[in-house]
Amino acid sequence: MGNLKLKGKDILKLGYPNNQSVNIALEVMKRNFATKNIHHVKATLKEILQNPQYFEKDLTFGQIAESLLSSKKTEKRMMNAQRASYEIFGTDISEEAKNQLYTGLKLPIALQGALMPDAHSGYGLPIGGVLAVENAVIPYGVGMDIGCRMSLSILDVPISYLEGAKDKFEKALVEHTKFGMSEIHKSHIDHEIFERDTFDLIPILKRLKGKAIKQMGSSGGGNHFVEFGEVEITEVDPQVGLPIGKYLGILSHSGSRGLGAEIAQYYSRMATDQCPLPKEAQNFAWLDLNSHLGLEYWTAMNLAGDYASACHYDIHRRLVKAVGGRVKARIENHHNFAWKEIHDGREMIVHRKGATPAHENELGMIPGSMTAKGFIVRGKGNPQSLQSASHGAGRAFSRGECRTRFTQSDIKKELKLKNVTLIGGNAEEAPMAYKNIHEVMNAQSELVDILGTFQPRIVRMDK
């Protein structure tokens, strides 16, 4: 935490009450002022103690002010006996995933929930889980990869180029996409997101800014990908603005990289400290949106979401520059996020962990696997799913099962059969690891309309 020689007894001597406010003050000051003179730090703490109401909304000192103004003890939260209302779409969903949702539905803040047809178990809220709560945000309900998203660019390049100039497209993916923990681009664009004062107002963001700049335009490991493929528009939509036909497309799936992961870890720990829950519900610990920490996380989450979008923009910009052509249409939608929305006439905080927003007329992209078609969709605004849809096909087998079940030879056979070229990738993301996308789409016909498809042809993933 730096070299600030500040101790709890120093803070008590300033007149702070002997409660949680001392620990909070100690942590905040060490986090923010590690290199500052101790007299300056003590003077600041004295000022906050004298007038905590002036600092209540301050992003740096608000947590200290809040602890001084509130004398509430941290009490264990009780779960409700009854679940909030919910709906499950699809039949191929494990009992473990269902039980995770059922636990979330018993939270005292829970209002409504849903499971998408691609659902499988995760931490706390399952992947494919949707949970609406009252005036609170659950960091684990958002997930580790905040603002992870699908982004599709449709180009004015003839589809025949994918075969005719295949080497050029492969080379573009090898040279202009970066994956995993160690790969970064040599040069970086000056994106407006790094000018935002949010990076300076919240300590953890200040610390992560350098990493975010370094990782701009790169993709994560695991199931993240960038691919060239064939787009087929099967229904005209004014938002897409393209006639029925085939087009060349770029599809990417990635999130907010190290920035989002560290925000998630930090605030999940904070939520667990602030909100003790029974053992089976610990990963549902929440932050009240009226609290300083809740406001801080909400601000950081939104920045991470915007950063994830900026990364996709940069990925697509680099590839279009390398292969030529112009973007005729762009479709992007995110998951692993929380939104303030009105449902049944009341404001709710809707968490979609591995689930896509599908409000009426909202466009989205739901991928299949590295060999299966994905679907361009338009939301129907179904209230039973909290206006949500699946974010993909969903896993049929866990990563561990895939390592023992599928060989490289199995994957190569499937790739050859579907005429797909893979750069990188591993058994954990084998095409056979995923549910049948057509069955998943059939299970959510009440949630989305299909406007077209995307067939992967050249796929790049982490090694």
Protein backbone atom coordinates (compact mmCIF):
# COMPACT_ATOMS: atom_id res chain seq x y z
CA MET A 1 0.00 0.00 0.00
CA GLY A 2 3.00 2.33 -0.17
CA ASN A 3 5.16 3.79 2.62
CA LEU A 4 2.77 6.07 4.54
CA LYS A 5 3.57 5.60 8.24
CA LEU A 6 -0.02 5.93 9.43
CA LYS A 7 -1.47 3.73 12.17
CA GLY A 8 -4.92 3.16 13.63
CA LYS A 9 -3.89 4.78 16.94
CA ASP A 10 -2.90 7.98 15.06
CA ILE A 11 -6.44 8.19 13.68
CA LEU A 12 -7.99 7.52 17.10
CA LYS A 13 -5.90 10.37 18.55
CA LEU A 14 -7.51 12.71 15.98
CA GLY A 15 -10.85 11.96 17.66
CA TYR A 16 -12.22 9.26 15.36
CA PRO A 17 -14.69 6.86 17.05
CA ASN A 18 -13.29 3.40 17.81
CA ASN A 19 -15.26 1.59 15.09
CA GLN A 20 -15.07 0.64 11.40
CA SER A 21 -14.36 4.27 10.42
CA VAL A 22 -10.74 3.90 11.63
CA ASN A 23 -10.02 0.92 9.35
CA ILE A 24 -11.72 2.64 6.41
CA ALA A 25 -9.77 5.88 6.96
CA LEU A 26 -6.52 3.92 7.21
CA GLU A 27 -7.17 2.02 3.98
CA VAL A 28 -8.36 5.04 1.98
CA MET A 29 -5.42 7.22 2.99
CA LYS A 30 -2.80 4.53 2.37
CA ARG A 31 -4.36 3.76 -0.99
CA ASN A 32 -4.49 7.41 -2.11
CA PHE A 33 -1.72 9.20 -0.27
CA ALA A 34 1.08 6.65 0.14
CA THR A 35 3.73 9.24 -0.79
CA LYS A 36 2.22 12.24 1.01
CA ASN A 37 3.55 13.90 4.15
CA ILE A 38 1.91 12.37 7.26
CA HIS A 39 1.04 15.84 8.65
CA HIS A 40 -0.89 16.64 5.47
CA VAL A 41 -2.73 13.30 5.73
CA LYS A 42 -3.66 13.88 9.38
CA ALA A 43 -4.86 17.42 8.62
CA THR A 44 -7.10 16.04 5.85
CA LEU A 45 -8.52 13.35 8.17
CA LYS A 46 -9.20 16.00 10.84
CA GLU A 47 -11.08 18.11 8.26
CA ILE A 48 -13.24 15.13 7.25
CA LEU A 49 -14.00 14.34 10.91
CA GLN A 50 -15.12 17.91 11.60
CA ASN A 51 -17.43 18.17 8.57
CA PRO A 52 -18.14 14.68 7.20
CA GLN A 53 -21.31 15.89 5.40
CA TYR A 54 -19.15 18.03 3.06
CA PHE A 55 -17.25 14.94 1.90
CA GLU A 56 -20.15 12.51 1.57
CA LYS A 57 -20.29 12.63 -2.26
CA ASP A 58 -16.52 12.88 -2.76
CA LEU A 59 -15.22 9.87 -4.73
CA THR A 60 -11.97 9.77 -2.74
CA PHE A 61 -13.11 10.57 0.82
CA GLY A 62 -16.81 9.66 0.64
CA GLN A 63 -16.28 6.24 2.20
CA ILE A 64 -14.67 7.78 5.32
CA ALA A 65 -17.42 10.41 5.58
CA GLU A 66 -20.09 7.77 5.22
CA SER A 67 -18.60 5.63 8.00
CA LEU A 68 -18.55 8.67 10.33
CA LEU A 69 -22.14 9.65 9.53
CA SER A 70 -23.44 6.12 9.93
CA SER A 71 -23.15 4.18 13.15
CA LYS A 72 -24.86 1.06 11.77
CA LYS A 73 -23.19 -2.24 12.61
CA THR A 74 -22.59 -4.76 9.84
CA GLU A 75 -25.30 -7.33 10.46
CA LYS A 76 -25.70 -10.65 8.71
CA ARG A 77 -28.42 -10.36 6.05
CA MET A 78 -31.27 -12.83 6.22
CA MET A 79 -32.53 -14.59 3.09
CA ASN A 80 -36.23 -14.64 2.19
CA ALA A 81 -38.08 -17.94 2.53
CA GLN A 82 -39.83 -17.46 -0.83
CA ARG A 83 -38.20 -16.91 -4.22
CA ALA A 84 -38.99 -13.81 -6.27
CA SER A 85 -40.83 -14.56 -9.55
CA TYR A 86 -38.76 -16.05 -12.39
CA GLU A 87 -38.94 -17.73 -15.79
CA ILE A 88 -36.67 -20.37 -17.35
CA PHE A 89 -36.25 -20.53 -21.13
CA GLY A 90 -34.95 -23.79 -22.62
CA THR A 91 -34.76 -27.30 -21.21
CA ASP A 92 -31.07 -28.21 -21.49
CA ILE A 93 -30.03 -26.44 -18.27
CA SER A 94 -28.21 -28.06 -15.35
CA GLU A 95 -29.77 -28.29 -11.89
CA GLU A 96 -26.70 -26.51 -10.51
CA ALA A 97 -27.36 -23.45 -12.71
CA LYS A 98 -31.04 -23.43 -11.69
CA ASN A 99 -30.16 -23.71 -8.00
CA GLN A 100 -27.76 -20.77 -8.29
CA LEU A 101 -30.55 -18.62 -9.69
CA TYR A 102 -32.94 -19.87 -6.96
CA THR A 103 -30.46 -18.68 -4.30
CA GLY A 104 -30.30 -15.22 -5.90
CA LEU A 105 -34.09 -15.04 -6.01
CA LYS A 106 -34.21 -15.38 -2.19
CA LEU A 107 -32.09 -12.28 -1.57
CA PRO A 108 -34.04 -9.64 0.39
CA ILE A 109 -33.36 -7.20 -2.50
CA ALA A 110 -34.47 -9.62 -5.30
CA LEU A 111 -37.42 -8.53 -7.46
CA GLN A 112 -37.43 -10.87 -10.50
CA GLY A 113 -35.18 -13.30 -12.38
CA ALA A 114 -34.78 -15.38 -15.52
CA LEU A 115 -32.52 -18.05 -17.01
CA MET A 116 -31.59 -17.96 -20.68
CA PRO A 117 -31.40 -21.17 -22.77
CA ASP A 118 -27.56 -21.02 -22.88
CA ALA A 119 -27.36 -21.02 -19.06
CA HIS A 120 -24.71 -22.98 -17.14
CA SER A 121 -23.27 -22.69 -13.63
CA GLY A 122 -20.90 -19.88 -12.64
CA TYR A 123 -19.94 -18.02 -9.44
CA GLY A 124 -23.00 -16.67 -7.66
CA LEU A 125 -25.36 -15.82 -10.50
CA PRO A 126 -25.06 -18.49 -13.24
CA ILE A 127 -23.87 -17.64 -16.76
CA GLY A 128 -27.07 -16.86 -18.68
CA GLY A 129 -28.67 -15.60 -15.47
CA VAL A 130 -30.70 -12.39 -15.23
CA LEU A 131 -31.51 -10.90 -11.83
CA ALA A 132 -33.36 -7.67 -11.07
CA VAL A 133 -32.87 -6.17 -7.61
CA GLU A 134 -33.82 -3.02 -5.72
CA ASN A 135 -31.35 -0.11 -5.55
CA ALA A 136 -28.23 -2.27 -5.22
CA VAL A 137 -25.53 -3.79 -7.42
CA ILE A 138 -23.96 -7.24 -7.03
CA PRO A 139 -20.36 -7.26 -8.33
CA TYR A 140 -20.40 -11.06 -8.84
CA GLY A 141 -23.82 -10.70 -10.48
CA VAL A 142 -22.11 -8.54 -13.10
CA GLY A 143 -19.16 -10.93 -13.37
CA MET A 144 -15.39 -10.77 -13.67
CA ASP A 145 -15.19 -9.55 -17.27
CA ILE A 146 -17.23 -6.36 -16.96
CA GLY A 147 -18.92 -5.19 -20.16
CA CYS A 148 -17.81 -8.19 -22.21
CA ARG A 149 -19.46 -7.90 -25.63
CA MET A 150 -20.02 -9.03 -29.19
CA SER A 151 -19.17 -6.57 -31.95
CA LEU A 152 -19.97 -7.16 -35.64
CA SER A 153 -18.76 -4.95 -38.50
CA ILE A 154 -20.27 -5.62 -41.94
CA LEU A 155 -17.98 -4.47 -44.78
CA ASP A 156 -18.52 -3.48 -48.40
CA VAL A 157 -15.94 -6.10 -49.49
CA PRO A 158 -17.09 -8.89 -51.86
CA ILE A 159 -17.63 -12.16 -49.99
CA SER A 160 -15.53 -14.02 -52.60
CA TYR A 161 -12.40 -12.30 -51.20
CA LEU A 162 -12.53 -14.57 -48.12
CA GLU A 163 -11.48 -17.50 -50.31
CA GLY A 164 -9.65 -15.63 -53.07
CA ALA A 165 -7.48 -13.56 -50.72
CA LYS A 166 -7.51 -15.91 -47.72
CA ASP A 167 -3.80 -15.41 -46.95
CA LYS A 168 -4.34 -11.65 -46.63
CA PHE A 169 -7.13 -12.11 -44.06
CA GLU A 170 -5.16 -14.70 -42.06
CA LYS A 171 -2.11 -12.40 -42.03
CA ALA A 172 -4.29 -9.49 -40.82
CA LEU A 173 -5.53 -11.54 -37.85
CA VAL A 174 -2.03 -12.77 -36.96
CA GLU A 175 -0.45 -9.30 -37.18
CA HIS A 176 -3.22 -7.03 -35.92
CA THR A 177 -4.93 -8.92 -33.08
CA LYS A 178 -3.45 -9.57 -29.63
CA PHE A 179 -4.68 -12.10 -27.06
CA GLY A 180 -4.17 -13.12 -23.44
CA MET A 181 -2.02 -11.66 -20.68
CA SER A 182 1.26 -10.99 -22.50
CA GLU A 183 0.42 -9.79 -26.04
CA ILE A 184 0.03 -6.03 -26.55
CA HIS A 185 0.16 -3.70 -29.56
CA LYS A 186 3.37 -1.73 -30.18
CA SER A 187 1.47 1.50 -30.85
CA HIS A 188 -1.67 2.87 -29.20
CA ILE A 189 -4.31 5.35 -30.25
CA ASP A 190 -5.16 8.35 -28.08
CA HIS A 191 -8.71 7.41 -27.19
CA GLU A 192 -10.97 9.95 -25.46
CA ILE A 193 -11.70 7.45 -22.68
CA PHE A 194 -8.25 8.07 -21.17
CA GLU A 195 -9.04 11.79 -20.85
CA ARG A 196 -11.92 11.10 -18.45
CA ASP A 197 -11.50 12.41 -14.93
CA THR A 198 -13.06 9.18 -13.57
CA PHE A 199 -9.57 7.64 -13.85
CA ASP A 200 -8.24 10.25 -11.38
CA LEU A 201 -11.22 10.32 -9.01
CA ILE A 202 -11.31 6.63 -8.03
CA PRO A 203 -8.06 5.25 -6.55
CA ILE A 204 -8.23 1.77 -8.11
CA LEU A 205 -8.82 3.29 -11.56
CA LYS A 206 -5.87 5.63 -11.14
CA ARG A 207 -3.67 2.62 -10.48
CA LEU A 208 -5.07 0.65 -13.44
CA LYS A 209 -4.93 3.40 -16.05
CA GLY A 210 -1.46 2.42 -17.31
CA LYS A 211 -2.52 -1.20 -17.76
CA ALA A 212 -5.70 -0.13 -19.58
CA ILE A 213 -3.70 2.00 -22.03
CA LYS A 214 -1.30 -0.92 -22.65
CA GLN A 215 -4.09 -3.46 -23.24
CA MET A 216 -6.21 -1.21 -25.49
CA GLY A 217 -7.30 -3.04 -28.65
CA SER A 218 -6.41 -6.50 -27.31
CA SER A 219 -8.60 -9.49 -26.46
CA GLY A 220 -8.73 -11.82 -23.46
CA GLY A 221 -8.00 -15.54 -23.35
CA GLY A 222 -10.56 -18.34 -22.97
CA ASN A 223 -13.59 -18.05 -25.22
CA HIS A 224 -12.69 -14.62 -26.63
CA PHE A 225 -12.16 -14.42 -30.39
CA VAL A 226 -11.80 -12.23 -33.47
CA GLU A 227 -12.96 -13.71 -36.76
CA PHE A 228 -13.71 -13.02 -40.41
CA GLY A 229 -16.83 -14.67 -41.78
CA GLU A 230 -19.86 -14.59 -44.04
CA VAL A 231 -22.77 -12.40 -43.03
CA GLU A 232 -26.13 -13.23 -44.57
CA ILE A 233 -28.91 -10.68 -44.11
CA THR A 234 -32.24 -12.54 -44.35
CA GLU A 235 -34.60 -9.74 -43.25
CA VAL A 236 -34.37 -6.01 -43.95
CA ASP A 237 -34.20 -3.83 -40.83
CA PRO A 238 -33.91 -0.02 -41.00
CA GLN A 239 -31.35 -0.02 -38.17
CA VAL A 240 -29.02 -2.38 -40.07
CA GLY A 241 -29.79 -0.57 -43.32
CA LEU A 242 -28.64 -3.34 -45.67
CA PRO A 243 -30.54 -5.24 -48.38
CA ILE A 244 -30.97 -9.02 -48.20
CA GLY A 245 -27.74 -10.69 -49.35
CA LYS A 246 -24.26 -11.90 -48.35
CA TYR A 247 -21.50 -9.70 -46.94
CA LEU A 248 -18.04 -10.00 -45.44
CA GLY A 249 -17.99 -9.43 -41.68
CA ILE A 250 -15.65 -9.08 -38.69
CA LEU A 251 -16.95 -10.45 -35.39
CA SER A 252 -15.17 -10.02 -32.06
CA HIS A 253 -15.91 -11.17 -28.51
CA SER A 254 -13.97 -9.70 -25.61
CA GLY A 255 -14.34 -7.50 -22.55
CA SER A 256 -12.61 -4.96 -20.33
CA ARG A 257 -9.36 -6.92 -19.85
CA GLY A 258 -7.28 -6.39 -16.67
CA LEU A 259 -9.15 -3.18 -15.87
CA GLY A 260 -12.51 -4.98 -15.51
CA ALA A 261 -11.05 -8.02 -13.75
CA GLU A 262 -9.35 -5.97 -11.02
CA ILE A 263 -12.42 -3.75 -10.52
CA ALA A 264 -14.52 -6.91 -10.12
CA GLN A 265 -12.13 -8.54 -7.63
CA TYR A 266 -11.71 -5.44 -5.49
CA TYR A 267 -15.40 -4.52 -5.19
CA SER A 268 -16.46 -8.16 -4.73
CA ARG A 269 -14.20 -8.25 -1.66
CA MET A 270 -15.63 -4.94 -0.44
CA ALA A 271 -19.20 -6.20 -0.94
CA THR A 272 -18.47 -9.39 1.00
CA ASP A 273 -17.12 -7.33 3.92
CA GLN A 274 -20.09 -4.93 3.88
CA CYS A 275 -22.79 -7.52 3.29
CA PRO A 276 -22.38 -10.80 5.20
CA LEU A 277 -24.66 -13.51 3.79
CA PRO A 278 -25.20 -17.23 4.47
CA LYS A 279 -22.47 -19.42 2.96
CA GLU A 280 -24.44 -20.54 -0.12
CA ALA A 281 -25.22 -16.90 -1.00
CA GLN A 282 -21.85 -15.25 -0.29
CA ASN A 283 -21.16 -14.50 -3.97
CA PHE A 284 -24.39 -12.48 -4.09
CA ALA A 285 -23.03 -9.84 -1.66
CA TRP A 286 -24.25 -6.44 -2.84
CA LEU A 287 -23.42 -2.77 -2.53
CA ASP A 288 -26.26 -0.35 -1.82
CA LEU A 289 -26.44 2.29 -4.56
CA ASN A 290 -27.00 4.96 -1.90
CA SER A 291 -23.63 4.08 -0.36
CA HIS A 292 -20.27 5.51 -1.35
CA LEU A 293 -18.91 2.09 -2.35
CA GLY A 294 -22.00 1.35 -4.43
CA LEU A 295 -21.66 4.65 -6.29
CA GLU A 296 -17.92 4.06 -6.73
CA TYR A 297 -18.44 0.56 -8.20
CA TRP A 298 -21.26 1.76 -10.47
CA THR A 299 -18.98 4.52 -11.84
CA ALA A 300 -16.06 2.09 -12.32
CA MET A 301 -18.33 -0.54 -13.95
CA ASN A 302 -19.61 1.97 -16.49
CA LEU A 303 -16.08 3.11 -17.31
CA ALA A 304 -15.00 -0.53 -17.79
CA GLY A 305 -17.95 -1.07 -20.15
CA ASP A 306 -16.99 1.97 -22.23
CA TYR A 307 -13.38 0.76 -22.26
CA ALA A 308 -14.46 -2.67 -23.55
CA SER A 309 -16.37 -0.97 -26.38
CA ALA A 310 -13.32 1.18 -27.19
CA CYS A 311 -11.17 -1.98 -27.41
CA HIS A 312 -13.54 -3.50 -29.99
CA TYR A 313 -13.57 -0.28 -31.98
CA ASP A 314 -9.76 -0.39 -32.06
CA ILE A 315 -9.65 -4.08 -33.07
CA HIS A 316 -12.03 -3.48 -35.98
CA ARG A 317 -10.23 -0.26 -37.00
CA ARG A 318 -6.89 -2.10 -37.27
CA LEU A 319 -8.37 -4.97 -39.29
CA VAL A 320 -10.31 -2.77 -41.71
CA LYS A 321 -7.13 -0.74 -42.30
CA ALA A 322 -5.23 -3.99 -43.02
CA VAL A 323 -7.76 -5.63 -45.41
CA GLY A 324 -9.41 -2.56 -46.94
CA GLY A 325 -13.07 -1.70 -47.45
CA ARG A 326 -15.52 0.37 -45.45
CA VAL A 327 -17.88 -0.49 -42.60
CA LYS A 328 -21.49 -0.48 -43.88
CA ALA A 329 -23.13 -1.50 -40.59
CA ARG A 330 -22.09 -2.14 -36.99
CA ILE A 331 -23.94 -4.19 -34.37
CA GLU A 332 -22.71 -4.37 -30.80
CA ASN A 333 -24.24 -5.63 -27.57
CA HIS A 334 -22.82 -6.35 -24.15
CA HIS A 335 -23.36 -8.71 -21.24
CA ASN A 336 -21.74 -8.97 -17.77
CA PHE A 337 -23.25 -5.66 -16.74
CA ALA A 338 -25.96 -4.03 -14.63
CA TRP A 339 -28.51 -1.57 -16.01
CA LYS A 340 -31.03 0.80 -14.38
CA GLU A 341 -34.30 -0.08 -16.11
CA ILE A 342 -38.05 0.34 -15.61
CA HIS A 343 -40.02 -2.92 -15.44
CA ASP A 344 -43.64 -3.10 -14.30
CA GLY A 345 -43.55 0.64 -13.68
CA ARG A 346 -40.69 0.54 -11.14
CA GLU A 347 -36.96 1.12 -11.37
CA MET A 348 -34.88 -2.04 -11.05
CA ILE A 349 -31.18 -2.81 -11.30
CA VAL A 350 -31.02 -5.60 -13.87
CA HIS A 351 -27.90 -7.81 -13.83
CA ARG A 352 -27.27 -9.78 -17.02
CA LYS A 353 -24.39 -12.17 -16.49
CA GLY A 354 -23.75 -13.80 -19.87
CA ALA A 355 -27.13 -12.60 -21.13
CA THR A 356 -27.89 -10.05 -23.85
CA PRO A 357 -30.28 -7.10 -23.51
CA ALA A 358 -33.24 -7.70 -25.89
CA HIS A 359 -35.49 -4.68 -25.46
CA GLU A 360 -38.05 -4.12 -28.20
CA ASN A 361 -36.25 -3.42 -31.52
CA GLU A 362 -32.79 -3.64 -29.88
CA LEU A 363 -30.21 -5.26 -32.17
CA GLY A 364 -27.86 -7.98 -30.97
CA MET A 365 -25.43 -10.66 -32.09
CA ILE A 366 -25.61 -14.18 -30.62
CA PRO A 367 -22.65 -16.37 -31.72
CA GLY A 368 -22.64 -20.19 -31.97
CA SER A 369 -19.12 -21.64 -31.78
CA MET A 370 -15.94 -21.41 -33.86
CA THR A 371 -17.65 -23.55 -36.52
CA ALA A 372 -21.39 -22.94 -35.93
CA LYS A 373 -23.39 -20.01 -37.28
CA GLY A 374 -24.20 -17.06 -35.07
CA PHE A 375 -27.40 -14.99 -35.35
CA ILE A 376 -28.09 -11.30 -35.85
CA VAL A 377 -31.21 -10.63 -33.78
CA ARG A 378 -33.75 -7.95 -32.89
CA GLY A 379 -35.24 -7.94 -29.38
CA LYS A 380 -38.96 -8.42 -28.74
CA GLY A 381 -38.93 -6.81 -25.27
CA ASN A 382 -40.40 -9.87 -23.53
CA PRO A 383 -41.17 -8.90 -19.89
CA GLN A 384 -40.82 -12.51 -18.65
CA SER A 385 -37.12 -12.57 -19.57
CA LEU A 386 -36.68 -9.02 -18.25
CA GLN A 387 -36.18 -8.14 -21.93
CA SER A 388 -33.13 -10.38 -22.26
CA ALA A 389 -31.83 -13.17 -24.51
CA SER A 390 -28.89 -15.60 -24.51
CA HIS A 391 -25.37 -14.32 -25.21
CA GLY A 392 -24.29 -17.42 -27.14
CA ALA A 393 -24.86 -21.15 -27.42
CA GLY A 394 -23.65 -21.82 -23.86
CA ARG A 395 -21.30 -24.55 -22.70
CA ALA A 396 -22.38 -28.18 -22.83
CA PHE A 397 -19.12 -29.31 -21.16
CA SER A 398 -16.92 -27.54 -18.62
CA ARG A 399 -13.38 -26.52 -19.55
CA GLY A 400 -11.99 -29.41 -17.49
CA GLU A 401 -14.24 -31.95 -19.23
CA CYS A 402 -13.19 -30.60 -22.63
CA ARG A 403 -9.50 -31.20 -21.91
CA THR A 404 -10.12 -34.91 -21.30
CA ARG A 405 -12.91 -35.40 -23.85
CA PHE A 406 -11.62 -33.70 -27.04
CA THR A 407 -8.30 -34.08 -28.85
CA GLN A 408 -6.64 -31.75 -31.37
CA SER A 409 -7.48 -34.35 -33.99
CA ASP A 410 -11.22 -34.10 -33.11
CA ILE A 411 -11.08 -30.32 -33.46
CA LYS A 412 -9.20 -30.44 -36.79
CA LYS A 413 -11.78 -32.86 -38.20
CA GLU A 414 -14.66 -30.57 -37.23
CA LEU A 415 -12.88 -27.47 -38.62
CA LYS A 416 -12.24 -29.21 -41.94
CA LEU A 417 -15.84 -30.39 -42.15
CA LYS A 418 -17.15 -26.82 -41.68
CA ASN A 419 -14.41 -25.18 -43.82
CA VAL A 420 -13.09 -23.03 -40.96
CA THR A 421 -9.45 -21.99 -40.40
CA LEU A 422 -8.38 -21.65 -36.76
CA ILE A 423 -5.39 -19.61 -35.55
CA GLY A 424 -4.68 -20.41 -31.87
CA GLY A 425 -7.45 -21.98 -29.80
CA ASN A 426 -7.42 -25.10 -27.62
CA ALA A 427 -9.53 -28.09 -26.54
CA GLU A 428 -11.40 -26.00 -23.90
CA GLU A 429 -13.04 -24.04 -26.73
CA ALA A 430 -13.61 -26.99 -29.08
CA PRO A 431 -16.73 -26.56 -31.26
CA MET A 432 -18.17 -29.64 -29.52
CA ALA A 433 -17.86 -27.89 -26.10
CA TYR A 434 -21.00 -25.87 -26.85
CA LYS A 435 -24.73 -26.54 -26.98
CA ASN A 436 -26.52 -26.73 -30.33
CA ILE A 437 -27.08 -23.07 -31.28
CA HIS A 438 -30.21 -23.93 -33.32
CA GLU A 439 -31.85 -25.51 -30.25
CA VAL A 440 -30.88 -22.47 -28.17
CA MET A 441 -32.39 -20.11 -30.76
CA ASN A 442 -35.60 -22.19 -30.95
CA ALA A 443 -35.92 -21.92 -27.16
CA GLN A 444 -35.88 -18.11 -27.32
CA SER A 445 -38.17 -17.45 -30.29
CA GLU A 446 -40.38 -15.44 -27.88
CA LEU A 447 -37.41 -13.23 -27.01
CA VAL A 448 -35.83 -12.29 -30.36
CA ASP A 449 -36.46 -12.19 -34.12
CA ILE A 450 -33.69 -13.40 -36.44
CA LEU A 451 -32.47 -10.88 -39.05
CA GLY A 452 -29.47 -12.80 -40.39
CA THR A 453 -26.54 -15.10 -39.68
CA PHE A 454 -22.76 -15.01 -39.34
CA GLN A 455 -20.74 -18.06 -40.43
CA PRO A 456 -17.13 -18.00 -39.11
CA ARG A 457 -14.44 -18.70 -41.72
CA ILE A 458 -11.09 -17.55 -40.26
CA VAL A 459 -10.97 -17.59 -36.45
CA ARG A 460 -8.28 -16.22 -34.14
CA MET A 461 -8.17 -17.10 -30.43
CA ASP A 462 -5.61 -17.21 -27.65
CA LYS A 463 -3.10 -20.03 -27.99
